[in-house]
Amino acid sequence: PGSIYRPMQGKIWRCVGLETQRGCPYTCTYCNSPGNNVIYKDDGNRIFHRKKSIARVKEELDFLVKKYNPQLIFMVVDTFLAMSNKEFDEFKEMYMDYKIPFWMNTRAETINEHRAAGLEEMNMLRMNIGIEHGNFDYRKNYLKRNVSDEVQIKAFEMVADKKYTSCANSIIGMPDENRELIFDTIKFIRKLPKSIDATGAFIFAPYHGTPLRDLAIQKGYLKDDEIASVSNTAHHSMLTMPTISKEEISGLVRVYSFYVKFPESRWNDIKIAEKSNKEGDAMFKKLGKEFDQTYRSEQTMADLHA
């Protein structure tokens, strides 16, 4: 029974997952969904990316509510808002009978003013928007995410004043990345509205079946027999690259939120905190306390100490 309890934004919630669609229509090179799309198409011209009807989603939701009485729902979907406005309105009409707080992942291109407002009416708790990389050329050429900086910033502006929390997901330590490229992502996220949650970054995981893994093997950054963990919260990079060390990637992940939120005048202190040594650990602890006092919301801090 304890397995359904999950931490989120300073609270422990009775949480269940709900799948509204499987797969994803996008072609990001670090994700296995595009590979599944190809496999299914080659295997009898079948379709991997498919959506459940609203009636089916309602049926499953009724079952979960009756059995678990959830306080929070995680939408187990790669890109939750990969739907038409008609589909969104149909889902909203159905979900307004429940209004159970939920959180989900999506992309900037899937957000508009209508949806931003509708998600608030549905009582959404949290939305993670995948930025992944702040350098447009790298994002387009390496990740196959051909979305402009302007579109992404506009999406965050549309959700900045809503009751729900929005955050930007990033990945660092990808093939051929260096410190300068990682800071392109940091600097991009610093352009987002101040109300956007100061989340950290994930270290790139070279999953089987992804083009970015194939590129890493081709360039000699990874051995073919190495297997990526199923977790996306690893603390160490699997890639051995000439452009940046594993240790530096780990250090940058550790202080990523500090670089995003603190003023640039503090960056020398933050660089010290990247190191896992006596001086670095002491600085990390000091900055962590200051970060909590300055950048965490009053409500989140109250929940954490409740």
C-alpha atoms as a PDB file:
ATOM      1  CA  PRO A   1       0.000   0.000   0.000  1.00  0.00           C
ATOM      2  CA  GLY A   2       2.858   2.387   0.763  1.00  0.00           C
ATOM      3  CA  SER A   3       4.012   2.235  -2.857  1.00  0.00           C
ATOM      4  CA  ILE A   4       1.333   4.687  -3.981  1.00  0.00           C
ATOM      5  CA  TYR A   5       2.603   7.466  -1.711  1.00  0.00           C
ATOM      6  CA  ARG A   6       4.879   9.946  -3.487  1.00  0.00           C
ATOM      7  CA  PRO A   7       6.592  13.233  -2.568  1.00  0.00           C
ATOM      8  CA  MET A   8       5.733  16.282  -4.651  1.00  0.00           C
ATOM      9  CA  GLN A   9       6.335  19.945  -3.856  1.00  0.00           C
ATOM     10  CA  GLY A  10       6.990  19.430  -0.181  1.00  0.00           C
ATOM     11  CA  LYS A  11       4.091  17.068   0.520  1.00  0.00           C
ATOM     12  CA  ILE A  12       3.461  13.329   0.527  1.00  0.00           C
ATOM     13  CA  TRP A  13       0.518  12.461  -1.698  1.00  0.00           C
ATOM     14  CA  ARG A  14      -1.493   9.316  -2.325  1.00  0.00           C
ATOM     15  CA  CYS A  15      -0.655   9.201  -6.023  1.00  0.00           C
ATOM     16  CA  VAL A  16      -1.664   7.017  -8.959  1.00  0.00           C
ATOM     17  CA  GLY A  17      -0.721   7.038 -12.629  1.00  0.00           C
ATOM     18  CA  LEU A  18      -3.151   7.540 -15.492  1.00  0.00           C
ATOM     19  CA  GLU A  19      -2.227   6.906 -19.130  1.00  0.00           C
ATOM     20  CA  THR A  20      -4.202   8.911 -21.678  1.00  0.00           C
ATOM     21  CA  GLN A  21      -2.036   8.085 -24.695  1.00  0.00           C
ATOM     22  CA  ARG A  22       0.962   5.876 -25.440  1.00  0.00           C
ATOM     23  CA  GLY A  23       4.064   6.968 -27.285  1.00  0.00           C
ATOM     24  CA  CYS A  24       4.774  10.387 -28.750  1.00  0.00           C
ATOM     25  CA  PRO A  25       4.464  12.029 -32.183  1.00  0.00           C
ATOM     26  CA  TYR A  26       7.799  13.847 -31.814  1.00  0.00           C
ATOM     27  CA  THR A  27      11.232  12.559 -32.875  1.00  0.00           C
ATOM     28  CA  CYS A  28      13.659  13.523 -30.088  1.00  0.00           C
ATOM     29  CA  THR A  29      16.920  11.618 -30.465  1.00  0.00           C
ATOM     30  CA  TYR A  30      17.382  10.850 -26.747  1.00  0.00           C
ATOM     31  CA  CYS A  31      13.960   9.171 -26.412  1.00  0.00           C
ATOM     32  CA  ASN A  32      12.930   5.634 -27.396  1.00  0.00           C
ATOM     33  CA  SER A  33       9.386   6.506 -28.483  1.00  0.00           C
ATOM     34  CA  PRO A  34      10.441   7.497 -32.041  1.00  0.00           C
ATOM     35  CA  GLY A  35      12.203   4.131 -32.370  1.00  0.00           C
ATOM     36  CA  ASN A  36       9.041   2.345 -31.287  1.00  0.00           C
ATOM     37  CA  ASN A  37       7.098   4.287 -33.918  1.00  0.00           C
ATOM     38  CA  VAL A  38       9.453   2.892 -36.593  1.00  0.00           C
ATOM     39  CA  ILE A  39       9.395  -0.666 -35.216  1.00  0.00           C
ATOM     40  CA  TYR A  40       5.609  -0.775 -35.136  1.00  0.00           C
ATOM     41  CA  LYS A  41       5.338   0.664 -38.639  1.00  0.00           C
ATOM     42  CA  ASP A  42       7.792  -1.901 -40.029  1.00  0.00           C
ATOM     43  CA  ASP A  43       5.965  -4.704 -38.228  1.00  0.00           C
ATOM     44  CA  GLY A  44       2.812  -4.863 -40.275  1.00  0.00           C
ATOM     45  CA  ASN A  45       2.322  -1.099 -40.638  1.00  0.00           C
ATOM     46  CA  ARG A  46       1.010  -0.802 -37.076  1.00  0.00           C
ATOM     47  CA  ILE A  47       0.954   2.440 -35.055  1.00  0.00           C
ATOM     48  CA  PHE A  48       2.734   2.776 -31.707  1.00  0.00           C
ATOM     49  CA  HIS A  49       1.548   6.308 -30.848  1.00  0.00           C
ATOM     50  CA  ARG A  50      -2.120   5.959 -30.032  1.00  0.00           C
ATOM     51  CA  LYS A  51      -4.660   7.686 -27.810  1.00  0.00           C
ATOM     52  CA  LYS A  52      -7.362   6.348 -25.546  1.00  0.00           C
ATOM     53  CA  SER A  53     -10.900   7.561 -26.032  1.00  0.00           C
ATOM     54  CA  ILE A  54     -12.287   9.929 -23.426  1.00  0.00           C
ATOM     55  CA  ALA A  55     -14.767   7.202 -22.465  1.00  0.00           C
ATOM     56  CA  ARG A  56     -11.899   4.765 -21.806  1.00  0.00           C
ATOM     57  CA  VAL A  57      -9.937   7.347 -19.809  1.00  0.00           C
ATOM     58  CA  LYS A  58     -13.040   8.068 -17.714  1.00  0.00           C
ATOM     59  CA  GLU A  59     -13.568   4.360 -17.104  1.00  0.00           C
ATOM     60  CA  GLU A  60     -10.000   3.949 -15.843  1.00  0.00           C
ATOM     61  CA  LEU A  61     -10.214   7.129 -13.793  1.00  0.00           C
ATOM     62  CA  ASP A  62     -13.407   5.929 -12.096  1.00  0.00           C
ATOM     63  CA  PHE A  63     -11.679   2.648 -11.227  1.00  0.00           C
ATOM     64  CA  LEU A  64      -8.632   4.406  -9.748  1.00  0.00           C
ATOM     65  CA  VAL A  65     -10.732   6.851  -7.744  1.00  0.00           C
ATOM     66  CA  LYS A  66     -12.901   4.078  -6.310  1.00  0.00           C
ATOM     67  CA  LYS A  67      -9.978   1.801  -5.432  1.00  0.00           C
ATOM     68  CA  TYR A  68      -7.332   4.287  -4.260  1.00  0.00           C
ATOM     69  CA  ASN A  69      -9.068   7.623  -3.612  1.00  0.00           C
ATOM     70  CA  PRO A  70      -5.988   9.455  -4.968  1.00  0.00           C
ATOM     71  CA  GLN A  71      -4.921  12.907  -3.827  1.00  0.00           C
ATOM     72  CA  LEU A  72      -2.672  13.352  -6.875  1.00  0.00           C
ATOM     73  CA  ILE A  73      -2.562  11.872 -10.372  1.00  0.00           C
ATOM     74  CA  PHE A  74       0.535  11.558 -12.530  1.00  0.00           C
ATOM     75  CA  MET A  75      -0.338  11.612 -16.220  1.00  0.00           C
ATOM     76  CA  VAL A  76       1.905   8.821 -17.532  1.00  0.00           C
ATOM     77  CA  VAL A  77       2.340  10.362 -20.968  1.00  0.00           C
ATOM     78  CA  ASP A  78       5.457  11.473 -22.861  1.00  0.00           C
ATOM     79  CA  THR A  79       3.796  14.669 -24.093  1.00  0.00           C
ATOM     80  CA  PHE A  80       0.436  15.098 -22.378  1.00  0.00           C
ATOM     81  CA  LEU A  81      -0.735  18.046 -24.486  1.00  0.00           C
ATOM     82  CA  ALA A  82       0.045  16.370 -27.815  1.00  0.00           C
ATOM     83  CA  MET A  83      -3.600  16.711 -28.764  1.00  0.00           C
ATOM     84  CA  SER A  84      -5.898  18.945 -30.746  1.00  0.00           C
ATOM     85  CA  ASN A  85      -7.850  21.762 -29.109  1.00  0.00           C
ATOM     86  CA  LYS A  86     -11.002  19.662 -29.597  1.00  0.00           C
ATOM     87  CA  GLU A  87      -9.418  16.729 -27.756  1.00  0.00           C
ATOM     88  CA  PHE A  88      -8.241  19.066 -24.994  1.00  0.00           C
ATOM     89  CA  ASP A  89     -11.728  20.486 -24.545  1.00  0.00           C
ATOM     90  CA  GLU A  90     -13.236  16.989 -24.425  1.00  0.00           C
ATOM     91  CA  PHE A  91     -10.738  15.914 -21.782  1.00  0.00           C
ATOM     92  CA  LYS A  92     -11.339  19.072 -19.760  1.00  0.00           C
ATOM     93  CA  GLU A  93     -15.124  18.627 -19.847  1.00  0.00           C
ATOM     94  CA  MET A  94     -14.701  15.093 -18.507  1.00  0.00           C
ATOM     95  CA  TYR A  95     -12.069  15.938 -15.897  1.00  0.00           C
ATOM     96  CA  MET A  96     -13.987  18.873 -14.406  1.00  0.00           C
ATOM     97  CA  ASP A  97     -16.115  16.277 -12.591  1.00  0.00           C
ATOM     98  CA  TYR A  98     -12.997  15.163 -10.687  1.00  0.00           C
ATOM     99  CA  LYS A  99     -10.573  18.108 -10.450  1.00  0.00           C
ATOM    100  CA  ILE A 100      -8.033  15.912  -8.659  1.00  0.00           C
ATOM    101  CA  PRO A 101      -4.629  17.676  -8.636  1.00  0.00           C
ATOM    102  CA  PHE A 102      -2.342  16.228 -11.308  1.00  0.00           C
ATOM    103  CA  TRP A 103       1.066  16.743 -12.842  1.00  0.00           C
ATOM    104  CA  MET A 104       2.320  16.010 -16.325  1.00  0.00           C
ATOM    105  CA  ASN A 105       5.070  16.518 -18.910  1.00  0.00           C
ATOM    106  CA  THR A 106       4.666  18.401 -22.169  1.00  0.00           C
ATOM    107  CA  ARG A 107       6.437  20.592 -24.740  1.00  0.00           C
ATOM    108  CA  ALA A 108       6.318  24.336 -25.273  1.00  0.00           C
ATOM    109  CA  GLU A 109       4.724  24.019 -28.725  1.00  0.00           C
ATOM    110  CA  THR A 110       1.666  22.321 -27.198  1.00  0.00           C
ATOM    111  CA  ILE A 111       0.755  25.272 -24.957  1.00  0.00           C
ATOM    112  CA  ASN A 112      -1.521  28.170 -25.817  1.00  0.00           C
ATOM    113  CA  GLU A 113      -3.509  30.672 -23.774  1.00  0.00           C
ATOM    114  CA  HIS A 114      -6.662  28.549 -23.926  1.00  0.00           C
ATOM    115  CA  ARG A 115      -4.918  25.467 -22.595  1.00  0.00           C
ATOM    116  CA  ALA A 116      -2.958  27.398 -19.977  1.00  0.00           C
ATOM    117  CA  ALA A 117      -6.227  28.672 -18.511  1.00  0.00           C
ATOM    118  CA  GLY A 118      -8.005  25.329 -18.893  1.00  0.00           C
ATOM    119  CA  LEU A 119      -5.315  23.473 -16.966  1.00  0.00           C
ATOM    120  CA  GLU A 120      -5.810  25.870 -14.065  1.00  0.00           C
ATOM    121  CA  GLU A 121      -9.563  25.247 -14.104  1.00  0.00           C
ATOM    122  CA  MET A 122      -8.886  21.490 -13.974  1.00  0.00           C
ATOM    123  CA  ASN A 123      -6.864  22.036 -10.776  1.00  0.00           C
ATOM    124  CA  MET A 124      -3.504  20.967 -12.218  1.00  0.00           C
ATOM    125  CA  LEU A 125      -0.734  21.010  -9.611  1.00  0.00           C
ATOM    126  CA  ARG A 126       2.427  20.948 -11.711  1.00  0.00           C
ATOM    127  CA  MET A 127       3.562  20.992 -15.330  1.00  0.00           C
ATOM    128  CA  ASN A 128       7.042  20.043 -16.517  1.00  0.00           C
ATOM    129  CA  ILE A 129       7.955  21.583 -19.873  1.00  0.00           C
ATOM    130  CA  GLY A 130      10.857  19.970 -21.700  1.00  0.00           C
ATOM    131  CA  ILE A 131      13.428  22.538 -22.788  1.00  0.00           C
ATOM    132  CA  GLU A 132      16.308  20.029 -22.795  1.00  0.00           C
ATOM    133  CA  HIS A 133      18.841  22.436 -24.323  1.00  0.00           C
ATOM    134  CA  GLY A 134      19.149  26.207 -24.497  1.00  0.00           C
ATOM    135  CA  ASN A 135      21.315  26.397 -27.631  1.00  0.00           C
ATOM    136  CA  PHE A 136      19.040  26.410 -30.683  1.00  0.00           C
ATOM    137  CA  ASP A 137      21.596  24.897 -33.076  1.00  0.00           C
ATOM    138  CA  TYR A 138      22.435  22.051 -30.708  1.00  0.00           C
ATOM    139  CA  ARG A 139      18.765  21.506 -29.941  1.00  0.00           C
ATOM    140  CA  LYS A 140      17.880  21.336 -33.638  1.00  0.00           C
ATOM    141  CA  ASN A 141      20.850  19.383 -34.984  1.00  0.00           C
ATOM    142  CA  TYR A 142      21.545  16.940 -32.150  1.00  0.00           C
ATOM    143  CA  LEU A 143      18.125  16.542 -30.504  1.00  0.00           C
ATOM    144  CA  LYS A 144      15.813  17.092 -33.516  1.00  0.00           C
ATOM    145  CA  ARG A 145      13.793  19.611 -31.516  1.00  0.00           C
ATOM    146  CA  ASN A 146      13.172  22.337 -34.062  1.00  0.00           C
ATOM    147  CA  VAL A 147      11.463  24.823 -31.763  1.00  0.00           C
ATOM    148  CA  SER A 148      12.597  28.435 -31.441  1.00  0.00           C
ATOM    149  CA  ASP A 149      13.683  30.160 -28.262  1.00  0.00           C
ATOM    150  CA  GLU A 150      10.839  32.636 -28.733  1.00  0.00           C
ATOM    151  CA  VAL A 151       8.150  29.933 -28.791  1.00  0.00           C
ATOM    152  CA  GLN A 152       9.532  28.350 -25.649  1.00  0.00           C
ATOM    153  CA  ILE A 153       9.782  31.614 -23.730  1.00  0.00           C
ATOM    154  CA  LYS A 154       6.252  32.565 -24.816  1.00  0.00           C
ATOM    155  CA  ALA A 155       4.926  29.258 -23.466  1.00  0.00           C
ATOM    156  CA  PHE A 156       6.378  29.950 -20.035  1.00  0.00           C
ATOM    157  CA  GLU A 157       5.012  33.486 -20.082  1.00  0.00           C
ATOM    158  CA  MET A 158       1.516  32.106 -20.702  1.00  0.00           C
ATOM    159  CA  VAL A 159       1.670  29.888 -17.599  1.00  0.00           C
ATOM    160  CA  ALA A 160       3.689  32.157 -15.305  1.00  0.00           C
ATOM    161  CA  ASP A 161       0.734  33.756 -13.497  1.00  0.00           C
ATOM    162  CA  LYS A 162      -1.307  30.583 -12.990  1.00  0.00           C
ATOM    163  CA  LYS A 163      -1.970  28.829  -9.675  1.00  0.00           C
ATOM    164  CA  TYR A 164      -0.127  25.695 -10.763  1.00  0.00           C
ATOM    165  CA  THR A 165       3.651  25.282 -10.740  1.00  0.00           C
ATOM    166  CA  SER A 166       5.591  25.159 -13.994  1.00  0.00           C
ATOM    167  CA  CYS A 167       9.195  24.108 -14.401  1.00  0.00           C
ATOM    168  CA  ALA A 168      11.701  23.655 -17.208  1.00  0.00           C
ATOM    169  CA  ASN A 169      13.330  20.262 -17.715  1.00  0.00           C
ATOM    170  CA  SER A 170      16.904  20.181 -19.010  1.00  0.00           C
ATOM    171  CA  ILE A 171      19.431  17.494 -19.937  1.00  0.00           C
ATOM    172  CA  ILE A 172      23.191  17.964 -19.708  1.00  0.00           C
ATOM    173  CA  GLY A 173      26.167  15.783 -20.580  1.00  0.00           C
ATOM    174  CA  MET A 174      24.941  14.897 -24.069  1.00  0.00           C
ATOM    175  CA  PRO A 175      27.336  13.918 -26.891  1.00  0.00           C
ATOM    176  CA  ASP A 176      29.850  16.667 -27.811  1.00  0.00           C
ATOM    177  CA  GLU A 177      28.554  19.006 -25.122  1.00  0.00           C
ATOM    178  CA  ASN A 178      31.023  21.197 -23.283  1.00  0.00           C
ATOM    179  CA  ARG A 179      30.784  23.637 -20.402  1.00  0.00           C
ATOM    180  CA  GLU A 180      29.941  26.540 -22.703  1.00  0.00           C
ATOM    181  CA  LEU A 181      26.993  24.670 -24.238  1.00  0.00           C
ATOM    182  CA  ILE A 182      25.694  23.674 -20.817  1.00  0.00           C
ATOM    183  CA  PHE A 183      25.806  27.317 -19.790  1.00  0.00           C
ATOM    184  CA  ASP A 184      23.814  28.179 -22.908  1.00  0.00           C
ATOM    185  CA  THR A 185      21.023  26.142 -21.320  1.00  0.00           C
ATOM    186  CA  ILE A 186      21.495  27.783 -17.930  1.00  0.00           C
ATOM    187  CA  LYS A 187      21.428  31.255 -19.481  1.00  0.00           C
ATOM    188  CA  PHE A 188      18.323  30.400 -21.500  1.00  0.00           C
ATOM    189  CA  ILE A 189      16.394  29.236 -18.436  1.00  0.00           C
ATOM    190  CA  ARG A 190      17.421  32.435 -16.642  1.00  0.00           C
ATOM    191  CA  LYS A 191      15.396  34.304 -19.289  1.00  0.00           C
ATOM    192  CA  LEU A 192      12.171  32.604 -18.200  1.00  0.00           C
ATOM    193  CA  PRO A 193       9.725  34.323 -15.834  1.00  0.00           C
ATOM    194  CA  LYS A 194      10.963  34.424 -12.241  1.00  0.00           C
ATOM    195  CA  SER A 195       7.959  32.427 -11.041  1.00  0.00           C
ATOM    196  CA  ILE A 196       9.109  29.344 -12.940  1.00  0.00           C
ATOM    197  CA  ASP A 197      10.262  26.656 -10.513  1.00  0.00           C
ATOM    198  CA  ALA A 198      14.040  26.375 -10.022  1.00  0.00           C
ATOM    199  CA  THR A 199      14.402  22.741 -10.961  1.00  0.00           C
ATOM    200  CA  GLY A 200      17.670  20.987 -11.701  1.00  0.00           C
ATOM    201  CA  ALA A 201      18.924  19.117 -14.736  1.00  0.00           C
ATOM    202  CA  PHE A 202      19.058  15.437 -15.633  1.00  0.00           C
ATOM    203  CA  ILE A 203      22.264  13.762 -16.799  1.00  0.00           C
ATOM    204  CA  PHE A 204      21.913  12.288 -20.292  1.00  0.00           C
ATOM    205  CA  ALA A 205      21.075   8.569 -20.220  1.00  0.00           C
ATOM    206  CA  PRO A 206      22.075   6.722 -23.440  1.00  0.00           C
ATOM    207  CA  TYR A 207      19.073   4.421 -23.756  1.00  0.00           C
ATOM    208  CA  HIS A 208      19.121   1.573 -26.266  1.00  0.00           C
ATOM    209  CA  GLY A 209      17.238   2.296 -29.460  1.00  0.00           C
ATOM    210  CA  THR A 210      17.957   6.035 -29.451  1.00  0.00           C
ATOM    211  CA  PRO A 211      19.944   7.884 -32.143  1.00  0.00           C
ATOM    212  CA  LEU A 212      21.888   9.845 -29.507  1.00  0.00           C
ATOM    213  CA  ARG A 213      23.161   6.594 -27.983  1.00  0.00           C
ATOM    214  CA  ASP A 214      24.240   5.425 -31.446  1.00  0.00           C
ATOM    215  CA  LEU A 215      26.098   8.710 -31.944  1.00  0.00           C
ATOM    216  CA  ALA A 216      27.860   8.334 -28.582  1.00  0.00           C
ATOM    217  CA  ILE A 217      29.010   4.806 -29.522  1.00  0.00           C
ATOM    218  CA  GLN A 218      30.088   5.947 -32.988  1.00  0.00           C
ATOM    219  CA  LYS A 219      32.245   8.698 -31.476  1.00  0.00           C
ATOM    220  CA  GLY A 220      33.795   6.374 -28.902  1.00  0.00           C
ATOM    221  CA  TYR A 221      32.152   8.029 -25.897  1.00  0.00           C
ATOM    222  CA  LEU A 222      30.365   4.820 -24.878  1.00  0.00           C
ATOM    223  CA  LYS A 223      30.909   1.076 -25.330  1.00  0.00           C
ATOM    224  CA  ASP A 224      28.226  -0.846 -27.165  1.00  0.00           C
ATOM    225  CA  ASP A 225      27.672  -3.298 -24.291  1.00  0.00           C
ATOM    226  CA  GLU A 226      27.069  -0.608 -21.647  1.00  0.00           C
ATOM    227  CA  ILE A 227      23.473  -0.455 -20.457  1.00  0.00           C
ATOM    228  CA  ALA A 228      21.798   2.730 -19.247  1.00  0.00           C
ATOM    229  CA  SER A 229      19.880   2.663 -15.991  1.00  0.00           C
ATOM    230  CA  VAL A 230      16.110   2.895 -16.207  1.00  0.00           C
ATOM    231  CA  SER A 231      16.351   5.873 -13.855  1.00  0.00           C
ATOM    232  CA  ASN A 232      16.657   9.389 -15.267  1.00  0.00           C
ATOM    233  CA  THR A 233      18.105  10.704 -12.022  1.00  0.00           C
ATOM    234  CA  ALA A 234      21.639   9.306 -12.294  1.00  0.00           C
ATOM    235  CA  HIS A 235      24.383  11.362 -10.634  1.00  0.00           C
ATOM    236  CA  HIS A 236      27.149  10.338 -13.029  1.00  0.00           C
ATOM    237  CA  SER A 237      27.533  10.475 -16.793  1.00  0.00           C
ATOM    238  CA  MET A 238      28.108   7.257 -18.721  1.00  0.00           C
ATOM    239  CA  LEU A 239      29.934   9.111 -21.491  1.00  0.00           C
ATOM    240  CA  THR A 240      33.702   9.591 -21.620  1.00  0.00           C
ATOM    241  CA  MET A 241      34.189  12.696 -23.775  1.00  0.00           C
ATOM    242  CA  PRO A 242      37.140  14.975 -24.564  1.00  0.00           C
ATOM    243  CA  THR A 243      34.920  18.060 -24.276  1.00  0.00           C
ATOM    244  CA  ILE A 244      33.942  17.708 -20.610  1.00  0.00           C
ATOM    245  CA  SER A 245      34.708  15.246 -17.827  1.00  0.00           C
ATOM    246  CA  LYS A 246      32.256  13.028 -15.965  1.00  0.00           C
ATOM    247  CA  GLU A 247      33.219  14.825 -12.743  1.00  0.00           C
ATOM    248  CA  GLU A 248      32.442  18.254 -14.178  1.00  0.00           C
ATOM    249  CA  ILE A 249      29.044  17.077 -15.417  1.00  0.00           C
ATOM    250  CA  SER A 250      28.224  15.735 -11.943  1.00  0.00           C
ATOM    251  CA  GLY A 251      29.336  18.996 -10.374  1.00  0.00           C
ATOM    252  CA  LEU A 252      27.189  21.068 -12.708  1.00  0.00           C
ATOM    253  CA  VAL A 253      24.132  18.927 -12.003  1.00  0.00           C
ATOM    254  CA  ARG A 254      24.696  19.369  -8.288  1.00  0.00           C
ATOM    255  CA  VAL A 255      24.596  23.179  -8.445  1.00  0.00           C
ATOM    256  CA  TYR A 256      22.420  23.605 -11.527  1.00  0.00           C
ATOM    257  CA  SER A 257      19.533  25.319  -9.723  1.00  0.00           C
ATOM    258  CA  PHE A 258      21.994  27.712  -8.069  1.00  0.00           C
ATOM    259  CA  TYR A 259      23.293  28.851 -11.457  1.00  0.00           C
ATOM    260  CA  VAL A 260      19.718  29.282 -12.700  1.00  0.00           C
ATOM    261  CA  LYS A 261      18.484  31.423  -9.792  1.00  0.00           C
ATOM    262  CA  PHE A 262      21.400  33.200  -8.094  1.00  0.00           C
ATOM    263  CA  PRO A 263      22.737  36.421  -9.673  1.00  0.00           C
ATOM    264  CA  GLU A 264      25.856  36.041 -11.819  1.00  0.00           C
ATOM    265  CA  SER A 265      27.863  37.848  -9.132  1.00  0.00           C
ATOM    266  CA  ARG A 266      27.575  34.614  -7.115  1.00  0.00           C
ATOM    267  CA  TRP A 267      28.825  32.312  -9.852  1.00  0.00           C
ATOM    268  CA  ASN A 268      32.384  32.147  -8.497  1.00  0.00           C
ATOM    269  CA  ASP A 269      31.000  30.795  -5.210  1.00  0.00           C
ATOM    270  CA  ILE A 270      28.788  28.348  -7.090  1.00  0.00           C
ATOM    271  CA  LYS A 271      31.773  27.056  -9.077  1.00  0.00           C
ATOM    272  CA  ILE A 272      33.497  26.219  -5.785  1.00  0.00           C
ATOM    273  CA  ALA A 273      30.377  24.267  -4.747  1.00  0.00           C
ATOM    274  CA  GLU A 274      30.657  22.092  -7.871  1.00  0.00           C
ATOM    275  CA  LYS A 275      33.559  20.216  -6.252  1.00  0.00           C
ATOM    276  CA  SER A 276      32.912  17.279  -3.935  1.00  0.00           C
ATOM    277  CA  ASN A 277      35.615  18.168  -1.447  1.00  0.00           C
ATOM    278  CA  LYS A 278      35.716  19.872   1.957  1.00  0.00           C
ATOM    279  CA  GLU A 279      35.650  23.405   0.546  1.00  0.00           C
ATOM    280  CA  GLY A 280      33.056  22.558  -2.091  1.00  0.00           C
ATOM    281  CA  ASP A 281      30.752  20.763   0.335  1.00  0.00           C
ATOM    282  CA  ALA A 282      30.889  23.662   2.801  1.00  0.00           C
ATOM    283  CA  MET A 283      30.031  26.169   0.055  1.00  0.00           C
ATOM    284  CA  PHE A 284      27.264  23.910  -1.247  1.00  0.00           C
ATOM    285  CA  LYS A 285      25.688  23.750   2.206  1.00  0.00           C
ATOM    286  CA  LYS A 286      25.940  27.518   2.623  1.00  0.00           C
ATOM    287  CA  LEU A 287      24.399  28.235  -0.783  1.00  0.00           C
ATOM    288  CA  GLY A 288      21.699  25.636  -0.199  1.00  0.00           C
ATOM    289  CA  LYS A 289      20.469  27.405   2.918  1.00  0.00           C
ATOM    290  CA  GLU A 290      20.461  30.745   1.131  1.00  0.00           C
ATOM    291  CA  PHE A 291      18.654  29.216  -1.839  1.00  0.00           C
ATOM    292  CA  ASP A 292      15.889  27.821   0.383  1.00  0.00           C
ATOM    293  CA  GLN A 293      15.403  31.157   2.099  1.00  0.00           C
ATOM    294  CA  THR A 294      15.411  33.220  -1.086  1.00  0.00           C
ATOM    295  CA  TYR A 295      14.043  31.165  -3.950  1.00  0.00           C
ATOM    296  CA  ARG A 296      11.741  28.496  -2.600  1.00  0.00           C
ATOM    297  CA  SER A 297       8.121  29.585  -2.343  1.00  0.00           C
ATOM    298  CA  GLU A 298       6.724  30.387   1.104  1.00  0.00           C
ATOM    299  CA  GLN A 299       4.089  27.657   0.682  1.00  0.00           C
ATOM    300  CA  THR A 300       6.660  25.018  -0.262  1.00  0.00           C
ATOM    301  CA  MET A 301       8.848  25.887   2.715  1.00  0.00           C
ATOM    302  CA  ALA A 302       5.842  25.717   5.033  1.00  0.00           C
ATOM    303  CA  ASP A 303       4.976  22.288   3.633  1.00  0.00           C
ATOM    304  CA  LEU A 304       8.548  21.056   4.035  1.00  0.00           C
ATOM    305  CA  HIS A 305       8.584  22.008   7.715  1.00  0.00           C
ATOM    306  CA  ALA A 306       5.032  20.935   8.530  1.00  0.00           C
END
